[in-house]
Amino acid sequence: MNISDELSGELLVKPGWRFLFSHPAHFVSFGFGSGLARKAPGTFGTLAAFPLYWLTAPVLSNRQFMLALVLAFAFGVWVCGYTGKKLGVADYGGIVWDEIVAMLLVLFFTPPGWYWALLAFVLFRFFDILKPPPIRYFDSNWHGGLGVMFDDLLAAGYALMCIALLKSALI
């Protein structure tokens, strides 16, 4: 099954601050500007999740945080899809809301401590970049906002499985 919003794949607009401020969806999907990084925008987007987590996790209950993540994912399907259409490239590298939401999920389930947070970051980026099966399948065959968001959710799952295995081995 190929879920697709077929786009030309050619960049219609060169994204910059003017583009980001032309519509709130662009500002959010570009991770409040972190996706404008010239090199490794996905890494910068992932890093943007940390201050967002540190600001929200202490003031939200676990249930509220999980609800916020579900809403952020659903919202991400729309904003990433909308921005991708405006750019002409469904999964443009600067669209990093998917990394932010996925990393927030990883941080939520990661044990406290800077070393766990660092490990969570490295593992998530590893799986997001490597895209082992079935991540690569979904990345290649699901397009539009859902495709952009879903492969990062799977990368988060891989990272969390590794963290859980390591934590159980240490206990």
C-alpha atoms as a PDB file:
ATOM      1  CA  MET A   1       0.000   0.000   0.000  1.00  0.00           C
ATOM      2  CA  ASN A   2       1.408   3.349  -0.963  1.00  0.00           C
ATOM      3  CA  ILE A   3       0.024   6.255   1.024  1.00  0.00           C
ATOM      4  CA  SER A   4       0.954   9.202  -1.103  1.00  0.00           C
ATOM      5  CA  ASP A   5       0.544  12.870  -1.746  1.00  0.00           C
ATOM      6  CA  GLU A   6       2.612  12.772  -4.911  1.00  0.00           C
ATOM      7  CA  LEU A   7       4.748  15.871  -5.140  1.00  0.00           C
ATOM      8  CA  SER A   8       7.198  16.815  -7.829  1.00  0.00           C
ATOM      9  CA  GLY A   9      10.121  16.416  -5.456  1.00  0.00           C
ATOM     10  CA  GLU A  10      11.476  19.745  -6.672  1.00  0.00           C
ATOM     11  CA  LEU A  11      11.825  22.485  -4.110  1.00  0.00           C
ATOM     12  CA  LEU A  12       9.271  25.177  -4.986  1.00  0.00           C
ATOM     13  CA  VAL A  13      10.350  27.641  -2.294  1.00  0.00           C
ATOM     14  CA  LYS A  14      13.736  28.152  -0.679  1.00  0.00           C
ATOM     15  CA  PRO A  15      12.919  27.963   3.019  1.00  0.00           C
ATOM     16  CA  GLY A  16      14.183  30.751   5.226  1.00  0.00           C
ATOM     17  CA  TRP A  17      12.870  32.913   8.042  1.00  0.00           C
ATOM     18  CA  ARG A  18      10.455  34.696   5.691  1.00  0.00           C
ATOM     19  CA  PHE A  19       8.959  31.336   4.682  1.00  0.00           C
ATOM     20  CA  LEU A  20       8.731  30.190   8.310  1.00  0.00           C
ATOM     21  CA  PHE A  21       6.856  33.313   9.356  1.00  0.00           C
ATOM     22  CA  SER A  22       4.529  33.199   6.334  1.00  0.00           C
ATOM     23  CA  HIS A  23       2.363  30.559   8.053  1.00  0.00           C
ATOM     24  CA  PRO A  24       2.325  29.134  11.611  1.00  0.00           C
ATOM     25  CA  ALA A  25       2.450  25.572  10.223  1.00  0.00           C
ATOM     26  CA  HIS A  26       5.823  26.290   8.626  1.00  0.00           C
ATOM     27  CA  PHE A  27       7.220  27.732  11.864  1.00  0.00           C
ATOM     28  CA  VAL A  28       6.122  24.653  13.823  1.00  0.00           C
ATOM     29  CA  SER A  29       7.117  22.071  11.202  1.00  0.00           C
ATOM     30  CA  PHE A  30      10.582  23.644  10.983  1.00  0.00           C
ATOM     31  CA  GLY A  31      10.937  23.228  14.751  1.00  0.00           C
ATOM     32  CA  PHE A  32      10.696  26.959  15.551  1.00  0.00           C
ATOM     33  CA  GLY A  33      13.649  27.568  13.245  1.00  0.00           C
ATOM     34  CA  SER A  34      15.883  24.640  14.213  1.00  0.00           C
ATOM     35  CA  GLY A  35      15.151  23.000  10.856  1.00  0.00           C
ATOM     36  CA  LEU A  36      16.880  25.884   9.079  1.00  0.00           C
ATOM     37  CA  ALA A  37      20.289  24.570  10.186  1.00  0.00           C
ATOM     38  CA  ARG A  38      22.456  24.236   7.074  1.00  0.00           C
ATOM     39  CA  LYS A  39      23.914  20.918   8.218  1.00  0.00           C
ATOM     40  CA  ALA A  40      22.111  18.143  10.088  1.00  0.00           C
ATOM     41  CA  PRO A  41      18.721  19.865  10.535  1.00  0.00           C
ATOM     42  CA  GLY A  42      17.268  16.629  11.935  1.00  0.00           C
ATOM     43  CA  THR A  43      19.882  16.633  14.671  1.00  0.00           C
ATOM     44  CA  PHE A  44      19.146  20.256  15.523  1.00  0.00           C
ATOM     45  CA  GLY A  45      15.420  19.484  15.522  1.00  0.00           C
ATOM     46  CA  THR A  46      16.016  16.590  17.884  1.00  0.00           C
ATOM     47  CA  LEU A  47      18.001  18.882  20.191  1.00  0.00           C
ATOM     48  CA  ALA A  48      15.083  21.345  20.168  1.00  0.00           C
ATOM     49  CA  ALA A  49      13.011  18.701  21.953  1.00  0.00           C
ATOM     50  CA  PHE A  50      15.167  18.923  25.091  1.00  0.00           C
ATOM     51  CA  PRO A  51      14.236  22.430  26.294  1.00  0.00           C
ATOM     52  CA  LEU A  52      10.625  21.759  25.318  1.00  0.00           C
ATOM     53  CA  TYR A  53      10.671  18.610  27.446  1.00  0.00           C
ATOM     54  CA  TRP A  54      12.385  20.304  30.386  1.00  0.00           C
ATOM     55  CA  LEU A  55       9.812  23.105  30.327  1.00  0.00           C
ATOM     56  CA  THR A  56       6.699  20.945  30.005  1.00  0.00           C
ATOM     57  CA  ALA A  57       7.388  17.661  31.811  1.00  0.00           C
ATOM     58  CA  PRO A  58       7.595  19.171  35.319  1.00  0.00           C
ATOM     59  CA  VAL A  59       4.244  20.958  35.004  1.00  0.00           C
ATOM     60  CA  LEU A  60       2.200  18.232  33.302  1.00  0.00           C
ATOM     61  CA  SER A  61       0.988  14.976  34.793  1.00  0.00           C
ATOM     62  CA  ASN A  62       1.970  11.798  32.955  1.00  0.00           C
ATOM     63  CA  ARG A  63      -1.525  11.594  31.476  1.00  0.00           C
ATOM     64  CA  GLN A  64      -1.428  15.231  30.348  1.00  0.00           C
ATOM     65  CA  PHE A  65       2.012  14.776  28.799  1.00  0.00           C
ATOM     66  CA  MET A  66       0.929  11.678  26.863  1.00  0.00           C
ATOM     67  CA  LEU A  67      -2.218  13.473  25.684  1.00  0.00           C
ATOM     68  CA  ALA A  68      -0.054  16.401  24.576  1.00  0.00           C
ATOM     69  CA  LEU A  69       2.168  13.968  22.626  1.00  0.00           C
ATOM     70  CA  VAL A  70      -0.821  12.376  20.893  1.00  0.00           C
ATOM     71  CA  LEU A  71      -2.110  15.832  19.961  1.00  0.00           C
ATOM     72  CA  ALA A  72       1.378  16.944  18.853  1.00  0.00           C
ATOM     73  CA  PHE A  73       1.611  13.866  16.619  1.00  0.00           C
ATOM     74  CA  ALA A  74      -1.815  14.484  15.064  1.00  0.00           C
ATOM     75  CA  PHE A  75      -1.021  18.181  14.641  1.00  0.00           C
ATOM     76  CA  GLY A  76       2.318  17.166  13.115  1.00  0.00           C
ATOM     77  CA  VAL A  77       0.602  15.078  10.454  1.00  0.00           C
ATOM     78  CA  TRP A  78      -1.157  18.239   9.317  1.00  0.00           C
ATOM     79  CA  VAL A  79       1.655  20.829   9.690  1.00  0.00           C
ATOM     80  CA  CYS A  80       4.334  18.604   8.143  1.00  0.00           C
ATOM     81  CA  GLY A  81       2.028  17.633   5.285  1.00  0.00           C
ATOM     82  CA  TYR A  82       0.995  21.236   4.662  1.00  0.00           C
ATOM     83  CA  THR A  83       4.566  22.538   4.712  1.00  0.00           C
ATOM     84  CA  GLY A  84       5.764  19.683   2.507  1.00  0.00           C
ATOM     85  CA  LYS A  85       3.102  20.555  -0.077  1.00  0.00           C
ATOM     86  CA  LYS A  86       4.070  24.228  -0.030  1.00  0.00           C
ATOM     87  CA  LEU A  87       7.736  23.279  -0.468  1.00  0.00           C
ATOM     88  CA  GLY A  88       7.001  20.679  -3.157  1.00  0.00           C
ATOM     89  CA  VAL A  89       8.976  18.048  -1.201  1.00  0.00           C
ATOM     90  CA  ALA A  90       6.961  15.816   1.136  1.00  0.00           C
ATOM     91  CA  ASP A  91       9.762  15.014   3.604  1.00  0.00           C
ATOM     92  CA  TYR A  92      12.112  17.972   3.252  1.00  0.00           C
ATOM     93  CA  GLY A  93      15.071  17.702   5.655  1.00  0.00           C
ATOM     94  CA  GLY A  94      14.231  20.972   7.401  1.00  0.00           C
ATOM     95  CA  ILE A  95      10.820  19.663   8.468  1.00  0.00           C
ATOM     96  CA  VAL A  96      11.782  18.535  11.960  1.00  0.00           C
ATOM     97  CA  TRP A  97       8.549  18.547  13.985  1.00  0.00           C
ATOM     98  CA  ASP A  98       8.595  14.758  13.551  1.00  0.00           C
ATOM     99  CA  GLU A  99      11.987  14.537  15.292  1.00  0.00           C
ATOM    100  CA  ILE A 100      10.808  16.824  18.085  1.00  0.00           C
ATOM    101  CA  VAL A 101       7.661  14.823  18.856  1.00  0.00           C
ATOM    102  CA  ALA A 102       9.474  11.486  18.650  1.00  0.00           C
ATOM    103  CA  MET A 103      12.306  12.691  20.906  1.00  0.00           C
ATOM    104  CA  LEU A 104       9.764  14.012  23.425  1.00  0.00           C
ATOM    105  CA  LEU A 105       8.314  10.498  23.544  1.00  0.00           C
ATOM    106  CA  VAL A 106      11.765   8.980  24.056  1.00  0.00           C
ATOM    107  CA  LEU A 107      12.613  11.456  26.820  1.00  0.00           C
ATOM    108  CA  PHE A 108       9.312  10.764  28.578  1.00  0.00           C
ATOM    109  CA  PHE A 109      10.187   7.076  28.969  1.00  0.00           C
ATOM    110  CA  THR A 110      13.934   7.534  29.540  1.00  0.00           C
ATOM    111  CA  PRO A 111      15.235   7.205  33.109  1.00  0.00           C
ATOM    112  CA  PRO A 112      16.408  10.465  34.710  1.00  0.00           C
ATOM    113  CA  GLY A 113      20.035  11.505  34.372  1.00  0.00           C
ATOM    114  CA  TRP A 114      22.113  13.299  31.776  1.00  0.00           C
ATOM    115  CA  TYR A 115      23.790  10.062  30.640  1.00  0.00           C
ATOM    116  CA  TRP A 116      20.392   8.479  29.901  1.00  0.00           C
ATOM    117  CA  ALA A 117      19.305  11.616  28.027  1.00  0.00           C
ATOM    118  CA  LEU A 118      22.517  11.553  25.993  1.00  0.00           C
ATOM    119  CA  LEU A 119      22.059   7.853  25.246  1.00  0.00           C
ATOM    120  CA  ALA A 120      18.430   8.509  24.254  1.00  0.00           C
ATOM    121  CA  PHE A 121      19.547  11.246  21.860  1.00  0.00           C
ATOM    122  CA  VAL A 122      22.269   9.099  20.269  1.00  0.00           C
ATOM    123  CA  LEU A 123      20.031   6.041  19.911  1.00  0.00           C
ATOM    124  CA  PHE A 124      17.135   7.999  18.437  1.00  0.00           C
ATOM    125  CA  ARG A 125      19.372   9.751  15.894  1.00  0.00           C
ATOM    126  CA  PHE A 126      21.048   6.423  15.053  1.00  0.00           C
ATOM    127  CA  PHE A 127      17.748   4.703  14.246  1.00  0.00           C
ATOM    128  CA  ASP A 128      16.286   7.776  12.549  1.00  0.00           C
ATOM    129  CA  ILE A 129      19.289   8.004  10.217  1.00  0.00           C
ATOM    130  CA  LEU A 130      19.894   4.259   9.682  1.00  0.00           C
ATOM    131  CA  LYS A 131      16.193   3.442   9.214  1.00  0.00           C
ATOM    132  CA  PRO A 132      16.283  -0.322   9.851  1.00  0.00           C
ATOM    133  CA  PRO A 133      13.250  -2.392   8.767  1.00  0.00           C
ATOM    134  CA  PRO A 134      10.383  -1.612   8.905  1.00  0.00           C
ATOM    135  CA  ILE A 135      11.277   2.086   9.269  1.00  0.00           C
ATOM    136  CA  ARG A 136      12.793   2.258   5.776  1.00  0.00           C
ATOM    137  CA  TYR A 137       9.632   0.735   4.281  1.00  0.00           C
ATOM    138  CA  PHE A 138       7.371   3.351   5.841  1.00  0.00           C
ATOM    139  CA  ASP A 139       9.798   6.152   5.018  1.00  0.00           C
ATOM    140  CA  SER A 140       9.818   5.091   1.355  1.00  0.00           C
ATOM    141  CA  ASN A 141       6.159   4.193   0.910  1.00  0.00           C
ATOM    142  CA  TRP A 142       4.156   6.505   3.158  1.00  0.00           C
ATOM    143  CA  HIS A 143       4.252  10.101   2.051  1.00  0.00           C
ATOM    144  CA  GLY A 144       2.617  13.283   3.224  1.00  0.00           C
ATOM    145  CA  GLY A 145       2.298  14.236   6.859  1.00  0.00           C
ATOM    146  CA  LEU A 146       1.591  10.743   8.177  1.00  0.00           C
ATOM    147  CA  GLY A 147       4.658   9.318   6.473  1.00  0.00           C
ATOM    148  CA  VAL A 148       6.831  12.141   7.800  1.00  0.00           C
ATOM    149  CA  MET A 149       5.659  11.556  11.364  1.00  0.00           C
ATOM    150  CA  PHE A 150       5.358   7.762  11.437  1.00  0.00           C
ATOM    151  CA  ASP A 151       8.922   6.710  10.609  1.00  0.00           C
ATOM    152  CA  ASP A 152      10.235   8.836  13.485  1.00  0.00           C
ATOM    153  CA  LEU A 153       7.723   7.240  15.838  1.00  0.00           C
ATOM    154  CA  LEU A 154       9.196   3.856  14.879  1.00  0.00           C
ATOM    155  CA  ALA A 155      12.758   5.146  15.402  1.00  0.00           C
ATOM    156  CA  ALA A 156      11.651   6.293  18.865  1.00  0.00           C
ATOM    157  CA  GLY A 157      10.344   2.789  19.539  1.00  0.00           C
ATOM    158  CA  TYR A 158      13.692   1.234  18.586  1.00  0.00           C
ATOM    159  CA  ALA A 159      15.555   3.696  20.819  1.00  0.00           C
ATOM    160  CA  LEU A 160      13.227   2.969  23.734  1.00  0.00           C
ATOM    161  CA  MET A 161      13.642  -0.792  23.316  1.00  0.00           C
ATOM    162  CA  CYS A 162      17.432  -0.397  23.524  1.00  0.00           C
ATOM    163  CA  ILE A 163      17.145   1.825  26.600  1.00  0.00           C
ATOM    164  CA  ALA A 164      14.798  -0.670  28.292  1.00  0.00           C
ATOM    165  CA  LEU A 165      17.156  -3.572  27.533  1.00  0.00           C
ATOM    166  CA  LEU A 166      20.160  -1.676  28.856  1.00  0.00           C
ATOM    167  CA  LYS A 167      18.301  -0.556  31.966  1.00  0.00           C
ATOM    168  CA  SER A 168      17.136  -4.111  32.714  1.00  0.00           C
ATOM    169  CA  ALA A 169      20.691  -5.418  32.197  1.00  0.00           C
ATOM    170  CA  LEU A 170      22.004  -2.895  34.737  1.00  0.00           C
ATOM    171  CA  ILE A 171      19.448  -3.726  37.427  1.00  0.00           C
END
